[in-house]
Amino acid sequence: LSPIEIGNKVILKNIFFDTNKFDLKAESKTELLKLIGFLNVNPTVHIEISGHTDNVGAVQFNQVLSENRAKSVYEYLTANKIQAARLVYKGYGETQPIAPNTTDEDKAKNRRTEFMIIAK
């Protein structure tokens, strides 16, 4: 594990949504419970939750979808007693790919939810 430093990003590997939807699937709960545990053990840490998409579809649709997916994670955390003041959420749409959008595998990498440490 890397030390908790402002600006560090972590990709949440097992956050799942149906295509073009932003309702968290039940199988996302295990990963979210790990994040809740991390936040409970580190009560001064503040995070930004970010949603990202691939480049399939309209730019504006992807932007809104990424925002709504990040908001879904935010709402899950606040519903599980993480203080809203410690969280912000933002959608980045297709603006921050981590792989080329040329194969299905790379597009899947770009469809992700991350968190970034914004205060410790």
N, C-alpha and C. Protein backbone atom coordinates (compact mmCIF):
# COMPACT_ATOMS: atom_id res chain seq x y z
N LEU A 1 0.83 -1.19 0.00
CA LEU A 1 0.00 0.00 0.00
C LEU A 1 0.87 1.25 0.00
N SER A 2 0.43 2.25 -0.74
CA SER A 2 1.18 3.49 -0.75
C SER A 2 0.69 4.40 0.37
N PRO A 3 1.54 5.32 0.82
CA PRO A 3 1.12 6.22 1.89
C PRO A 3 -0.03 7.12 1.42
N ILE A 4 -0.79 7.61 2.38
CA ILE A 4 -1.90 8.50 2.07
C ILE A 4 -1.32 9.88 1.80
N GLU A 5 -1.36 10.30 0.56
CA GLU A 5 -0.84 11.61 0.16
C GLU A 5 -1.89 12.32 -0.68
N ILE A 6 -2.00 13.62 -0.48
CA ILE A 6 -2.93 14.41 -1.29
C ILE A 6 -2.56 14.25 -2.76
N GLY A 7 -3.55 14.00 -3.58
CA GLY A 7 -3.34 13.81 -5.01
C GLY A 7 -3.27 12.36 -5.43
N ASN A 8 -3.06 11.44 -4.49
CA ASN A 8 -3.04 10.01 -4.83
C ASN A 8 -4.41 9.57 -5.32
N LYS A 9 -4.42 8.78 -6.38
CA LYS A 9 -5.67 8.26 -6.94
C LYS A 9 -5.69 6.75 -6.81
N VAL A 10 -6.90 6.22 -6.61
CA VAL A 10 -7.10 4.77 -6.54
C VAL A 10 -8.29 4.44 -7.43
N ILE A 11 -8.08 3.49 -8.35
CA ILE A 11 -9.20 3.01 -9.17
C ILE A 11 -9.96 1.97 -8.36
N LEU A 12 -11.26 2.17 -8.23
CA LEU A 12 -12.11 1.19 -7.56
C LEU A 12 -12.42 0.11 -8.58
N LYS A 13 -11.83 -1.05 -8.39
CA LYS A 13 -11.84 -2.10 -9.42
C LYS A 13 -13.20 -2.78 -9.62
N ASN A 14 -14.01 -2.82 -8.60
CA ASN A 14 -15.23 -3.62 -8.68
C ASN A 14 -16.49 -2.81 -8.43
N ILE A 15 -16.59 -1.69 -9.13
CA ILE A 15 -17.80 -0.88 -9.10
C ILE A 15 -18.50 -1.13 -10.43
N PHE A 16 -19.75 -1.58 -10.37
CA PHE A 16 -20.45 -2.02 -11.58
C PHE A 16 -21.76 -1.28 -11.79
N PHE A 17 -22.00 -0.94 -13.05
CA PHE A 17 -23.24 -0.32 -13.50
C PHE A 17 -23.66 -1.01 -14.79
N ASP A 18 -24.96 -1.05 -15.05
CA ASP A 18 -25.43 -1.51 -16.36
C ASP A 18 -25.06 -0.45 -17.40
N THR A 19 -24.96 -0.85 -18.66
CA THR A 19 -24.64 0.06 -19.74
C THR A 19 -25.62 1.23 -19.75
N ASN A 20 -25.06 2.44 -19.82
CA ASN A 20 -25.83 3.69 -19.88
C ASN A 20 -26.70 3.94 -18.66
N LYS A 21 -26.38 3.29 -17.53
CA LYS A 21 -27.13 3.47 -16.29
C LYS A 21 -26.17 3.91 -15.19
N PHE A 22 -26.75 4.43 -14.09
CA PHE A 22 -25.91 4.87 -12.99
C PHE A 22 -26.35 4.31 -11.64
N ASP A 23 -27.24 3.31 -11.65
CA ASP A 23 -27.60 2.63 -10.41
C ASP A 23 -26.51 1.61 -10.09
N LEU A 24 -25.98 1.69 -8.86
CA LEU A 24 -24.95 0.73 -8.46
C LEU A 24 -25.52 -0.68 -8.47
N LYS A 25 -24.77 -1.60 -9.05
CA LYS A 25 -25.18 -3.00 -9.00
C LYS A 25 -24.78 -3.59 -7.65
N ALA A 26 -25.52 -4.59 -7.22
CA ALA A 26 -25.31 -5.19 -5.90
C ALA A 26 -23.87 -5.67 -5.71
N GLU A 27 -23.24 -6.16 -6.76
CA GLU A 27 -21.88 -6.68 -6.63
C GLU A 27 -20.84 -5.58 -6.41
N SER A 28 -21.25 -4.33 -6.42
CA SER A 28 -20.35 -3.22 -6.11
C SER A 28 -20.16 -3.04 -4.61
N LYS A 29 -21.02 -3.61 -3.82
CA LYS A 29 -21.03 -3.35 -2.37
C LYS A 29 -19.74 -3.79 -1.69
N THR A 30 -19.14 -4.89 -2.09
CA THR A 30 -17.91 -5.36 -1.45
C THR A 30 -16.82 -4.31 -1.56
N GLU A 31 -16.63 -3.77 -2.74
CA GLU A 31 -15.60 -2.75 -2.95
C GLU A 31 -15.92 -1.49 -2.15
N LEU A 32 -17.20 -1.11 -2.13
CA LEU A 32 -17.60 0.09 -1.40
C LEU A 32 -17.44 -0.08 0.10
N LEU A 33 -17.66 -1.28 0.60
CA LEU A 33 -17.45 -1.53 2.03
C LEU A 33 -15.97 -1.40 2.39
N LYS A 34 -15.07 -1.77 1.48
CA LYS A 34 -13.63 -1.58 1.70
C LYS A 34 -13.31 -0.09 1.78
N LEU A 35 -13.92 0.70 0.89
CA LEU A 35 -13.70 2.14 0.89
C LEU A 35 -14.23 2.76 2.19
N ILE A 36 -15.40 2.32 2.63
CA ILE A 36 -15.96 2.80 3.89
C ILE A 36 -15.01 2.47 5.04
N GLY A 37 -14.48 1.25 5.05
CA GLY A 37 -13.52 0.85 6.08
C GLY A 37 -12.29 1.74 6.07
N PHE A 38 -11.77 2.02 4.89
CA PHE A 38 -10.61 2.91 4.76
C PHE A 38 -10.92 4.29 5.33
N LEU A 39 -12.10 4.82 4.98
CA LEU A 39 -12.47 6.15 5.46
C LEU A 39 -12.71 6.16 6.97
N ASN A 40 -13.23 5.08 7.51
CA ASN A 40 -13.44 5.01 8.96
C ASN A 40 -12.12 4.92 9.72
N VAL A 41 -11.14 4.22 9.16
CA VAL A 41 -9.83 4.08 9.80
C VAL A 41 -9.02 5.38 9.67
N ASN A 42 -9.35 6.18 8.65
CA ASN A 42 -8.64 7.43 8.38
C ASN A 42 -9.64 8.59 8.42
N PRO A 43 -10.11 8.96 9.62
CA PRO A 43 -11.24 9.89 9.73
C PRO A 43 -10.97 11.32 9.29
N THR A 44 -9.71 11.67 9.03
CA THR A 44 -9.43 13.03 8.57
C THR A 44 -9.28 13.12 7.05
N VAL A 45 -9.28 11.98 6.37
CA VAL A 45 -9.11 11.96 4.91
C VAL A 45 -10.40 12.43 4.23
N HIS A 46 -10.22 13.30 3.23
CA HIS A 46 -11.31 13.74 2.36
C HIS A 46 -10.98 13.24 0.96
N ILE A 47 -12.01 12.83 0.22
CA ILE A 47 -11.77 12.29 -1.13
C ILE A 47 -12.68 12.94 -2.17
N GLU A 48 -12.20 12.91 -3.40
CA GLU A 48 -13.04 13.22 -4.56
C GLU A 48 -13.33 11.90 -5.25
N ILE A 49 -14.60 11.63 -5.47
CA ILE A 49 -15.03 10.45 -6.21
C ILE A 49 -15.22 10.89 -7.66
N SER A 50 -14.58 10.19 -8.58
CA SER A 50 -14.69 10.60 -9.98
C SER A 50 -15.20 9.46 -10.85
N GLY A 51 -16.07 9.83 -11.78
CA GLY A 51 -16.59 8.89 -12.77
C GLY A 51 -15.98 9.17 -14.12
N HIS A 52 -15.71 8.11 -14.87
CA HIS A 52 -15.08 8.22 -16.19
C HIS A 52 -15.78 7.28 -17.16
N THR A 53 -15.81 7.67 -18.43
CA THR A 53 -16.41 6.83 -19.47
C THR A 53 -15.41 6.61 -20.60
N ASP A 54 -15.80 5.71 -21.52
CA ASP A 54 -15.03 5.59 -22.76
C ASP A 54 -15.56 6.64 -23.74
N ASN A 55 -15.18 6.54 -25.01
CA ASN A 55 -15.59 7.56 -25.98
C ASN A 55 -16.77 7.12 -26.84
N VAL A 56 -17.47 6.06 -26.45
CA VAL A 56 -18.63 5.61 -27.20
C VAL A 56 -19.83 6.45 -26.77
N GLY A 57 -20.54 6.99 -27.75
CA GLY A 57 -21.72 7.80 -27.44
C GLY A 57 -21.39 9.28 -27.47
N ALA A 58 -22.44 10.08 -27.23
CA ALA A 58 -22.31 11.53 -27.29
C ALA A 58 -21.51 12.05 -26.10
N VAL A 59 -20.70 13.05 -26.35
CA VAL A 59 -19.84 13.63 -25.32
C VAL A 59 -20.68 14.10 -24.13
N GLN A 60 -21.75 14.85 -24.38
CA GLN A 60 -22.57 15.38 -23.29
C GLN A 60 -23.23 14.25 -22.49
N PHE A 61 -23.71 13.22 -23.19
CA PHE A 61 -24.31 12.07 -22.49
C PHE A 61 -23.29 11.42 -21.56
N ASN A 62 -22.08 11.20 -22.08
CA ASN A 62 -21.03 10.58 -21.27
C ASN A 62 -20.66 11.44 -20.07
N GLN A 63 -20.67 12.76 -20.25
CA GLN A 63 -20.36 13.66 -19.15
C GLN A 63 -21.40 13.51 -18.03
N VAL A 64 -22.65 13.55 -18.38
CA VAL A 64 -23.73 13.43 -17.40
C VAL A 64 -23.71 12.04 -16.76
N LEU A 65 -23.50 11.01 -17.56
CA LEU A 65 -23.44 9.64 -17.04
C LEU A 65 -22.31 9.52 -16.01
N SER A 66 -21.15 10.05 -16.32
CA SER A 66 -20.01 9.94 -15.39
C SER A 66 -20.30 10.70 -14.09
N GLU A 67 -20.95 11.85 -14.17
CA GLU A 67 -21.32 12.60 -12.97
C GLU A 67 -22.32 11.80 -12.13
N ASN A 68 -23.31 11.23 -12.77
CA ASN A 68 -24.33 10.47 -12.04
C ASN A 68 -23.75 9.21 -11.41
N ARG A 69 -22.80 8.58 -12.06
CA ARG A 69 -22.16 7.39 -11.47
C ARG A 69 -21.32 7.78 -10.25
N ALA A 70 -20.59 8.87 -10.34
CA ALA A 70 -19.82 9.33 -9.18
C ALA A 70 -20.77 9.70 -8.04
N LYS A 71 -21.89 10.33 -8.38
CA LYS A 71 -22.88 10.71 -7.36
C LYS A 71 -23.48 9.48 -6.70
N SER A 72 -23.68 8.40 -7.45
CA SER A 72 -24.22 7.17 -6.87
C SER A 72 -23.28 6.62 -5.79
N VAL A 73 -21.98 6.67 -6.04
CA VAL A 73 -21.00 6.21 -5.05
C VAL A 73 -21.04 7.15 -3.84
N TYR A 74 -21.06 8.45 -4.09
CA TYR A 74 -21.16 9.45 -3.01
C TYR A 74 -22.39 9.17 -2.14
N GLU A 75 -23.53 8.94 -2.76
CA GLU A 75 -24.76 8.70 -2.01
C GLU A 75 -24.69 7.40 -1.21
N TYR A 76 -24.04 6.39 -1.75
CA TYR A 76 -23.87 5.14 -1.00
C TYR A 76 -23.02 5.39 0.25
N LEU A 77 -21.94 6.14 0.08
CA LEU A 77 -21.06 6.41 1.22
C LEU A 77 -21.78 7.22 2.29
N THR A 78 -22.50 8.26 1.88
CA THR A 78 -23.20 9.08 2.88
C THR A 78 -24.32 8.29 3.55
N ALA A 79 -24.96 7.39 2.82
CA ALA A 79 -26.01 6.54 3.41
C ALA A 79 -25.42 5.57 4.44
N ASN A 80 -24.10 5.35 4.34
CA ASN A 80 -23.42 4.45 5.27
C ASN A 80 -22.54 5.23 6.25
N LYS A 81 -23.02 6.41 6.61
CA LYS A 81 -22.46 7.21 7.71
C LYS A 81 -21.09 7.83 7.45
N ILE A 82 -20.71 8.01 6.19
CA ILE A 82 -19.52 8.80 5.89
C ILE A 82 -19.99 10.24 5.73
N GLN A 83 -19.38 11.15 6.45
CA GLN A 83 -19.81 12.55 6.42
C GLN A 83 -19.68 13.14 5.02
N ALA A 84 -20.76 13.78 4.57
CA ALA A 84 -20.76 14.41 3.24
C ALA A 84 -19.66 15.46 3.11
N ALA A 85 -19.32 16.11 4.21
CA ALA A 85 -18.29 17.15 4.18
C ALA A 85 -16.92 16.60 3.81
N ARG A 86 -16.73 15.28 3.90
CA ARG A 86 -15.46 14.64 3.56
C ARG A 86 -15.40 14.21 2.11
N LEU A 87 -16.50 14.39 1.38
CA LEU A 87 -16.63 13.83 0.03
C LEU A 87 -17.02 14.91 -0.97
N VAL A 88 -16.47 14.80 -2.15
CA VAL A 88 -16.98 15.52 -3.31
C VAL A 88 -17.03 14.52 -4.46
N TYR A 89 -17.87 14.79 -5.43
CA TYR A 89 -17.93 13.90 -6.59
C TYR A 89 -17.90 14.74 -7.86
N LYS A 90 -17.34 14.14 -8.90
CA LYS A 90 -17.21 14.84 -10.17
C LYS A 90 -17.19 13.82 -11.30
N GLY A 91 -17.81 14.19 -12.39
CA GLY A 91 -17.75 13.37 -13.60
C GLY A 91 -16.79 13.99 -14.59
N TYR A 92 -15.97 13.15 -15.19
CA TYR A 92 -15.00 13.62 -16.17
C TYR A 92 -15.33 13.12 -17.58
N GLY A 93 -16.43 12.37 -17.72
CA GLY A 93 -16.80 11.86 -19.04
C GLY A 93 -15.65 11.09 -19.66
N GLU A 94 -15.35 11.44 -20.90
CA GLU A 94 -14.30 10.74 -21.63
C GLU A 94 -13.01 11.54 -21.70
N THR A 95 -12.86 12.57 -20.83
CA THR A 95 -11.73 13.49 -20.94
C THR A 95 -10.43 13.01 -20.33
N GLN A 96 -10.46 11.94 -19.53
CA GLN A 96 -9.24 11.46 -18.88
C GLN A 96 -9.03 9.96 -19.10
N PRO A 97 -8.89 9.54 -20.34
CA PRO A 97 -8.68 8.10 -20.58
C PRO A 97 -7.33 7.65 -20.01
N ILE A 98 -7.30 6.39 -19.57
CA ILE A 98 -6.04 5.80 -19.10
C ILE A 98 -5.51 4.79 -20.11
N ALA A 99 -6.27 4.60 -21.19
CA ALA A 99 -5.88 3.69 -22.28
C ALA A 99 -6.49 4.24 -23.57
N PRO A 100 -5.92 3.86 -24.72
CA PRO A 100 -6.54 4.29 -25.98
C PRO A 100 -7.94 3.67 -26.11
N ASN A 101 -8.86 4.38 -26.70
CA ASN A 101 -10.22 3.85 -26.89
C ASN A 101 -10.32 3.06 -28.20
N THR A 102 -9.36 2.15 -28.41
CA THR A 102 -9.30 1.45 -29.69
C THR A 102 -9.75 0.00 -29.62
N THR A 103 -9.75 -0.60 -28.43
CA THR A 103 -10.20 -1.99 -28.29
C THR A 103 -11.25 -2.04 -27.18
N ASP A 104 -12.04 -3.11 -27.17
CA ASP A 104 -13.04 -3.27 -26.11
C ASP A 104 -12.37 -3.32 -24.74
N GLU A 105 -11.22 -3.99 -24.68
CA GLU A 105 -10.50 -4.11 -23.41
C GLU A 105 -10.05 -2.74 -22.89
N ASP A 106 -9.50 -1.92 -23.79
CA ASP A 106 -9.05 -0.59 -23.38
C ASP A 106 -10.23 0.32 -23.04
N LYS A 107 -11.31 0.20 -23.78
CA LYS A 107 -12.51 0.99 -23.45
C LYS A 107 -13.02 0.63 -22.06
N ALA A 108 -12.96 -0.65 -21.72
CA ALA A 108 -13.39 -1.09 -20.39
C ALA A 108 -12.51 -0.46 -19.30
N LYS A 109 -11.21 -0.31 -19.56
CA LYS A 109 -10.32 0.33 -18.59
C LYS A 109 -10.72 1.79 -18.36
N ASN A 110 -11.16 2.44 -19.41
CA ASN A 110 -11.54 3.84 -19.32
C ASN A 110 -12.86 4.05 -18.59
N ARG A 111 -13.72 3.05 -18.60
CA ARG A 111 -14.99 3.12 -17.86
C ARG A 111 -14.70 2.75 -16.42
N ARG A 112 -14.48 3.73 -15.58
CA ARG A 112 -14.02 3.44 -14.23
C ARG A 112 -14.53 4.49 -13.24
N THR A 113 -14.43 4.10 -11.98
CA THR A 113 -14.69 5.00 -10.86
C THR A 113 -13.42 5.03 -10.03
N GLU A 114 -13.00 6.23 -9.67
CA GLU A 114 -11.77 6.42 -8.90
C GLU A 114 -12.07 7.27 -7.67
N PHE A 115 -11.13 7.24 -6.73
CA PHE A 115 -11.15 8.31 -5.74
C PHE A 115 -9.76 8.88 -5.61
N MET A 116 -9.72 10.16 -5.27
CA MET A 116 -8.46 10.87 -5.10
C MET A 116 -8.47 11.51 -3.71
N ILE A 117 -7.33 11.41 -3.03
CA ILE A 117 -7.19 12.04 -1.73
C ILE A 117 -7.09 13.56 -1.96
N ILE A 118 -7.99 14.33 -1.32
CA ILE A 118 -7.95 15.78 -1.49
C ILE A 118 -7.58 16.49 -0.18
N ALA A 119 -7.63 15.77 0.92
CA ALA A 119 -7.16 16.32 2.21
C ALA A 119 -6.86 15.14 3.13
N LYS A 120 -5.88 15.34 4.00
CA LYS A 120 -5.56 14.29 4.97
C LYS A 120 -5.38 14.94 6.30
